[in-house]
């Protein structure tokens, strides 16, 4: 039996940290962690028995497989930069598993850059949240070469309850963009439905029950409906991330010459949430813009 690979993690916010905890629980050696916030990396490293890498190059030296969970296209390009400190330094033989929701074209760029240096990369797009990362029940959509997928598969199976190989680099990211686009449309629509119900003086618990038993039911109703009613916006998936991800989908549609008015309107709503200082709330916080009794009163049409 081949020895278990040494795991390094770049980006140890809530998702990255919980992936690390899960992998340690099932017997993987998480040997190094890196974050742009050194104090966060140090704290998790102590918990996992890992080393808080001072540089990306050092993390490479301490790892065989590197999982990255970064925020956006710019952050992804920075960790795979062609000059300066970068995961490309000493990349030969490594496997990179990139979990961030970013533009599909960036995943293609990273596969090319790592391949030129004798390494492999995969996109492992997550359609789940923080509890699933900790429990190892993520829904993972994977894109890249079959060779890289087979190498990563034992680890990915420990991270997920549903593992789907979608195809070549960029394809999984396209599917993830669609998932989040539809989810965000549903979230914004639910916020408007409950906001209107509140303005009409209806009992929101009753309305949510009716929604759940009719065509208004959705997964978002289960995850966000009660939170919208109770203003419980502890962050699992932020409004800022919803704005970014809706933007990825809208950009893909524009590249195809396709008009998606609902996606455009949803992006505008989450952009507004960010502009008004609510972007770090959970996406359920979009309801703060649709209830007359809340933040949105000043925006009501006259």
Protein backbone atom coordinates (compact mmCIF):
# COMPACT_ATOMS: atom_id res chain seq x y z
CA UNK A 1 0.00 0.00 0.00
CA UNK A 2 1.34 3.43 -0.95
CA UNK A 3 2.10 5.77 1.96
CA UNK A 4 -0.51 8.41 2.75
CA UNK A 5 0.38 11.72 1.12
CA UNK A 6 1.36 14.71 3.19
CA UNK A 7 -1.41 17.32 2.95
CA UNK A 8 -0.87 21.07 2.82
CA UNK A 9 -3.71 23.57 2.91
CA UNK A 10 -3.64 27.10 1.52
CA UNK A 11 -6.45 29.30 2.82
CA UNK A 12 -7.60 28.19 6.27
CA UNK A 13 -10.78 30.13 6.78
CA UNK A 14 -13.80 28.16 7.93
CA UNK A 15 -13.96 25.88 4.90
CA UNK A 16 -10.23 25.22 4.63
CA UNK A 17 -9.84 24.69 8.36
CA UNK A 18 -12.71 22.23 8.54
CA UNK A 19 -11.40 20.28 5.56
CA UNK A 20 -8.11 20.00 7.44
CA UNK A 21 -9.85 18.81 10.61
CA UNK A 22 -11.79 16.21 8.66
CA UNK A 23 -8.72 14.85 6.90
CA UNK A 24 -6.83 14.60 10.17
CA UNK A 25 -9.78 12.75 11.73
CA UNK A 26 -9.66 10.07 9.01
CA UNK A 27 -5.92 9.55 9.29
CA UNK A 28 -4.28 11.91 6.82
CA UNK A 29 -1.15 13.78 7.85
CA UNK A 30 -1.91 17.49 7.50
CA UNK A 31 1.67 18.70 7.61
CA UNK A 32 1.46 22.39 6.68
CA UNK A 33 -1.03 25.22 6.49
CA UNK A 34 -0.72 28.70 5.00
CA UNK A 35 -2.91 31.77 5.12
CA UNK A 36 -2.44 35.45 4.41
CA UNK A 37 -3.38 35.90 8.08
CA UNK A 38 -0.41 34.24 9.84
CA UNK A 39 -2.13 34.19 13.21
CA UNK A 40 -5.00 32.12 11.78
CA UNK A 41 -2.59 29.65 10.21
CA UNK A 42 -0.61 29.36 13.46
CA UNK A 43 -3.70 28.61 15.53
CA UNK A 44 -4.92 25.87 13.18
CA UNK A 45 -1.43 24.43 12.83
CA UNK A 46 -1.25 23.96 16.60
CA UNK A 47 -4.61 22.20 16.56
CA UNK A 48 -3.69 19.86 13.72
CA UNK A 49 -0.07 19.24 14.64
CA UNK A 50 1.01 20.93 11.40
CA UNK A 51 3.58 23.57 10.60
CA UNK A 52 2.40 27.12 9.87
CA UNK A 53 4.27 27.72 6.60
CA UNK A 54 5.76 31.17 6.25
CA UNK A 55 5.70 31.00 2.47
CA UNK A 56 3.93 29.08 -0.29
CA UNK A 57 7.28 27.64 -1.34
CA UNK A 58 7.80 26.27 2.18
CA UNK A 59 4.34 24.73 2.16
CA UNK A 60 5.28 22.92 -1.06
CA UNK A 61 8.39 21.51 0.60
CA UNK A 62 6.28 20.08 3.42
CA UNK A 63 3.48 18.64 1.26
CA UNK A 64 2.72 16.18 -1.51
CA UNK A 65 -0.89 17.19 -2.07
CA UNK A 66 -1.99 20.80 -1.65
CA UNK A 67 -5.61 21.84 -1.14
CA UNK A 68 -6.38 25.49 -1.87
CA UNK A 69 -9.45 27.37 -0.68
CA UNK A 70 -9.05 31.02 -1.66
CA UNK A 71 -11.48 33.84 -2.23
CA UNK A 72 -11.49 34.82 -5.89
CA UNK A 73 -9.69 34.90 -9.25
CA UNK A 74 -7.10 37.42 -8.07
CA UNK A 75 -6.22 35.36 -5.00
CA UNK A 76 -5.95 32.21 -7.11
CA UNK A 77 -3.62 33.86 -9.59
CA UNK A 78 -1.49 35.23 -6.75
CA UNK A 79 -0.80 31.80 -5.22
CA UNK A 80 0.11 30.43 -8.67
CA UNK A 81 2.13 33.48 -9.72
CA UNK A 82 4.91 32.95 -12.24
CA UNK A 83 7.33 35.07 -10.17
CA UNK A 84 8.00 35.60 -6.48
CA UNK A 85 6.65 33.31 -3.77
CA UNK A 86 4.29 30.85 -5.40
CA UNK A 87 3.01 27.29 -5.36
CA UNK A 88 4.75 26.90 -8.71
CA UNK A 89 8.12 26.94 -6.90
CA UNK A 90 9.08 23.32 -6.36
CA UNK A 91 5.79 22.12 -7.83
CA UNK A 92 7.15 19.05 -9.61
CA UNK A 93 5.36 15.89 -8.60
CA UNK A 94 2.73 17.69 -6.54
CA UNK A 95 -1.04 17.42 -6.85
CA UNK A 96 -3.03 20.61 -6.36
CA UNK A 97 -6.73 20.39 -5.50
CA UNK A 98 -8.36 23.79 -5.90
CA UNK A 99 -11.69 24.20 -4.12
CA UNK A 100 -12.49 27.88 -4.57
CA UNK A 101 -15.43 29.12 -6.63
CA UNK A 102 -13.63 31.09 -9.33
CA UNK A 103 -13.91 31.70 -13.06
CA UNK A 104 -13.54 28.50 -15.10
CA UNK A 105 -10.81 30.05 -17.25
CA UNK A 106 -8.60 30.50 -14.18
CA UNK A 107 -8.77 26.79 -13.41
CA UNK A 108 -7.64 26.16 -17.00
CA UNK A 109 -4.73 28.60 -16.52
CA UNK A 110 -3.66 26.85 -13.31
CA UNK A 111 -3.76 23.41 -14.93
CA UNK A 112 -1.48 24.69 -17.71
CA UNK A 113 0.95 26.37 -15.32
CA UNK A 114 1.24 23.38 -12.98
CA UNK A 115 1.50 20.96 -15.90
CA UNK A 116 4.44 22.91 -17.32
CA UNK A 117 6.22 22.30 -14.02
CA UNK A 118 5.56 18.58 -13.83
CA UNK A 119 2.61 18.78 -11.45
CA UNK A 120 -1.11 18.05 -11.67
CA UNK A 121 -4.11 20.17 -10.67
CA UNK A 122 -7.80 19.54 -10.19
CA UNK A 123 -10.75 21.77 -9.49
CA UNK A 124 -12.91 20.33 -6.72
CA UNK A 125 -15.88 22.67 -6.56
CA UNK A 126 -17.90 22.48 -3.36
CA UNK A 127 -21.70 22.75 -3.42
CA UNK A 128 -21.95 22.56 0.36
CA UNK A 129 -21.11 24.61 3.43
CA UNK A 130 -19.11 24.62 6.65
CA UNK A 131 -20.80 21.74 8.54
CA UNK A 132 -20.41 19.45 5.52
CA UNK A 133 -16.71 20.30 5.27
CA UNK A 134 -16.25 19.27 8.89
CA UNK A 135 -18.31 16.08 8.56
CA UNK A 136 -16.80 14.97 5.25
CA UNK A 137 -20.15 15.18 3.46
CA UNK A 138 -19.37 17.80 0.83
CA UNK A 139 -20.92 17.64 -2.64
CA UNK A 140 -17.83 17.81 -4.86
CA UNK A 141 -17.76 18.45 -8.61
CA UNK A 142 -14.34 17.71 -10.03
CA UNK A 143 -12.69 18.84 -13.25
CA UNK A 144 -9.28 18.01 -14.68
CA UNK A 145 -7.44 15.00 -16.03
CA UNK A 146 -8.59 11.49 -15.18
CA UNK A 147 -5.06 10.72 -13.98
CA UNK A 148 -5.18 13.54 -11.44
CA UNK A 149 -8.70 12.59 -10.41
CA UNK A 150 -7.73 8.97 -9.73
CA UNK A 151 -4.76 10.12 -7.66
CA UNK A 152 -6.95 12.43 -5.57
CA UNK A 153 -9.99 10.17 -5.38
CA UNK A 154 -9.24 8.37 -2.08
CA UNK A 155 -8.82 11.72 -0.32
CA UNK A 156 -11.82 13.31 -2.04
CA UNK A 157 -14.00 10.37 -1.00
CA UNK A 158 -13.14 11.12 2.62
CA UNK A 159 -14.17 14.76 2.11
CA UNK A 160 -17.49 14.10 0.39
CA UNK A 161 -20.70 12.12 0.37
CA UNK A 162 -21.25 12.87 -3.33
CA UNK A 163 -18.31 12.96 -5.73
CA UNK A 164 -18.89 13.73 -9.40
CA UNK A 165 -16.21 13.86 -12.08
CA UNK A 166 -17.51 16.40 -14.58
CA UNK A 167 -14.77 16.50 -17.22
CA UNK A 168 -11.78 18.56 -18.26
CA UNK A 169 -10.49 21.61 -16.43
CA UNK A 170 -13.06 24.40 -16.24
CA UNK A 171 -16.11 22.19 -16.67
CA UNK A 172 -16.80 21.63 -12.98
CA UNK A 173 -16.42 25.35 -12.32
CA UNK A 174 -19.05 26.05 -14.98
CA UNK A 175 -21.48 23.66 -13.31
CA UNK A 176 -20.73 25.22 -9.91
CA UNK A 177 -21.42 28.67 -11.35
CA UNK A 178 -24.83 27.43 -12.51
CA UNK A 179 -25.59 25.88 -9.12
CA UNK A 180 -24.81 29.11 -7.31
CA UNK A 181 -26.60 31.24 -9.88
CA UNK A 182 -29.85 29.32 -9.40
CA UNK A 183 -29.37 29.15 -5.61
CA UNK A 184 -28.84 32.90 -5.43
CA UNK A 185 -31.91 33.59 -7.58
CA UNK A 186 -33.94 31.39 -5.25
CA UNK A 187 -32.52 33.15 -2.19
CA UNK A 188 -33.32 36.61 -3.51
CA UNK A 189 -36.79 35.46 -4.58
CA UNK A 190 -37.53 33.98 -1.16
CA UNK A 191 -36.44 37.21 0.51
CA UNK A 192 -38.88 39.15 -1.67
CA UNK A 193 -41.70 36.68 -0.98
CA UNK A 194 -41.23 36.86 2.77
CA UNK A 195 -40.69 40.62 2.64
CA UNK A 196 -44.00 41.09 0.84
CA UNK A 197 -45.73 38.69 3.22
CA UNK A 198 -44.46 40.74 6.15
CA UNK A 199 -45.66 43.97 4.55
CA UNK A 200 -49.10 42.40 4.07
CA UNK A 201 -49.28 41.52 7.74
CA UNK A 202 -49.20 37.75 7.18
CA UNK A 203 -47.81 35.32 9.72
CA UNK A 204 -44.41 34.38 8.37
CA UNK A 205 -44.28 30.97 10.00
CA UNK A 206 -47.55 30.11 8.30
CA UNK A 207 -46.30 31.48 4.98
CA UNK A 208 -43.13 29.42 5.17
CA UNK A 209 -45.21 26.31 5.87
CA UNK A 210 -47.41 27.01 2.86
CA UNK A 211 -44.34 27.65 0.70
CA UNK A 212 -42.90 24.29 1.77
CA UNK A 213 -46.05 22.46 0.69
CA UNK A 214 -46.48 24.15 -2.68
CA UNK A 215 -44.51 25.14 -5.75
CA UNK A 216 -42.77 27.85 -3.73
CA UNK A 217 -40.80 25.21 -1.86
CA UNK A 218 -37.04 24.96 -2.39
CA UNK A 219 -33.82 23.92 -0.69
CA UNK A 220 -33.22 27.59 0.04
CA UNK A 221 -36.50 27.74 1.95
CA UNK A 222 -35.14 25.02 4.24
CA UNK A 223 -31.74 26.62 4.77
CA UNK A 224 -32.64 30.33 4.77
CA UNK A 225 -36.36 30.84 5.38
CA UNK A 226 -36.37 30.74 9.17
CA UNK A 227 -33.16 32.76 9.29
CA UNK A 228 -34.74 35.46 7.14
CA UNK A 229 -37.76 35.57 9.42
CA UNK A 230 -35.69 35.72 12.61
CA UNK A 231 -32.86 37.89 11.25
CA UNK A 232 -30.38 35.14 12.14
CA UNK A 233 -27.68 35.80 9.57
CA UNK A 234 -24.68 33.98 11.04
CA UNK A 235 -22.48 33.44 8.03
CA UNK A 236 -22.26 30.11 6.23
CA UNK A 237 -22.18 31.59 2.73
CA UNK A 238 -21.79 35.35 2.67
CA UNK A 239 -23.63 37.94 0.66
CA UNK A 240 -20.25 39.01 -0.71
CA UNK A 241 -19.62 35.51 -2.02
CA UNK A 242 -23.12 35.40 -3.50
CA UNK A 243 -22.40 38.65 -5.35
CA UNK A 244 -19.08 37.30 -6.65
CA UNK A 245 -20.53 33.97 -7.74
CA UNK A 246 -23.54 35.54 -9.46
CA UNK A 247 -21.04 37.73 -11.27
CA UNK A 248 -19.17 34.66 -12.56
CA UNK A 249 -22.38 33.23 -13.99
CA UNK A 250 -23.43 36.54 -15.54
CA UNK A 251 -19.99 36.89 -17.16
CA UNK A 252 -20.26 33.37 -18.62
CA UNK A 253 -23.69 34.21 -20.02
CA UNK A 254 -22.41 37.40 -21.62
CA UNK A 255 -19.57 35.46 -23.24
CA UNK A 256 -22.23 33.30 -24.88
CA UNK A 257 -24.34 36.28 -25.93
CA UNK A 258 -27.10 35.13 -23.58
CA UNK A 259 -29.40 37.48 -21.67
CA UNK A 260 -30.23 36.26 -18.16
CA UNK A 261 -32.38 38.98 -16.57
CA UNK A 262 -33.05 37.09 -13.34
CA UNK A 263 -29.36 36.40 -12.79
CA UNK A 264 -28.55 40.03 -13.56
CA UNK A 265 -31.18 41.29 -11.10
CA UNK A 266 -29.97 38.90 -8.43
CA UNK A 267 -26.39 40.06 -8.85
CA UNK A 268 -27.58 43.65 -8.51
CA UNK A 269 -29.35 42.80 -5.27
CA UNK A 270 -26.33 41.09 -3.72
CA UNK A 271 -24.07 43.91 -4.96
CA UNK A 272 -26.39 46.30 -3.14
CA UNK A 273 -26.12 44.19 -0.01
CA UNK A 274 -22.33 44.52 -0.17
CA UNK A 275 -22.47 48.25 -0.92
CA UNK A 276 -24.61 48.83 2.15
CA UNK A 277 -22.16 47.09 4.45
CA UNK A 278 -24.06 43.81 4.77
CA UNK A 279 -21.79 41.66 2.62
CA UNK A 280 -20.30 39.69 5.53
CA UNK A 281 -23.72 38.52 6.66
CA UNK A 282 -24.96 35.19 5.39
CA UNK A 283 -26.73 35.39 2.03
CA UNK A 284 -30.00 35.11 3.97
CA UNK A 285 -29.24 38.72 4.94
CA UNK A 286 -30.52 39.81 1.55
CA UNK A 287 -33.89 39.81 3.32
CA UNK A 288 -32.71 42.92 5.17
CA UNK A 289 -33.22 44.72 1.85
CA UNK A 290 -36.77 43.48 1.27
CA UNK A 291 -38.57 43.92 4.62
CA UNK A 292 -40.17 47.34 5.03
CA UNK A 293 -39.75 47.07 8.79
CA UNK A 294 -35.98 46.70 8.44
CA UNK A 295 -33.09 48.33 6.68
CA UNK A 296 -34.99 48.64 3.40
CA UNK A 297 -37.70 51.02 4.64
CA UNK A 298 -35.79 54.04 3.37
CA UNK A 299 -35.67 52.40 -0.08
CA UNK A 300 -39.39 51.69 -0.38
CA UNK A 301 -40.98 53.15 -3.48
CA UNK A 302 -43.38 56.01 -2.96
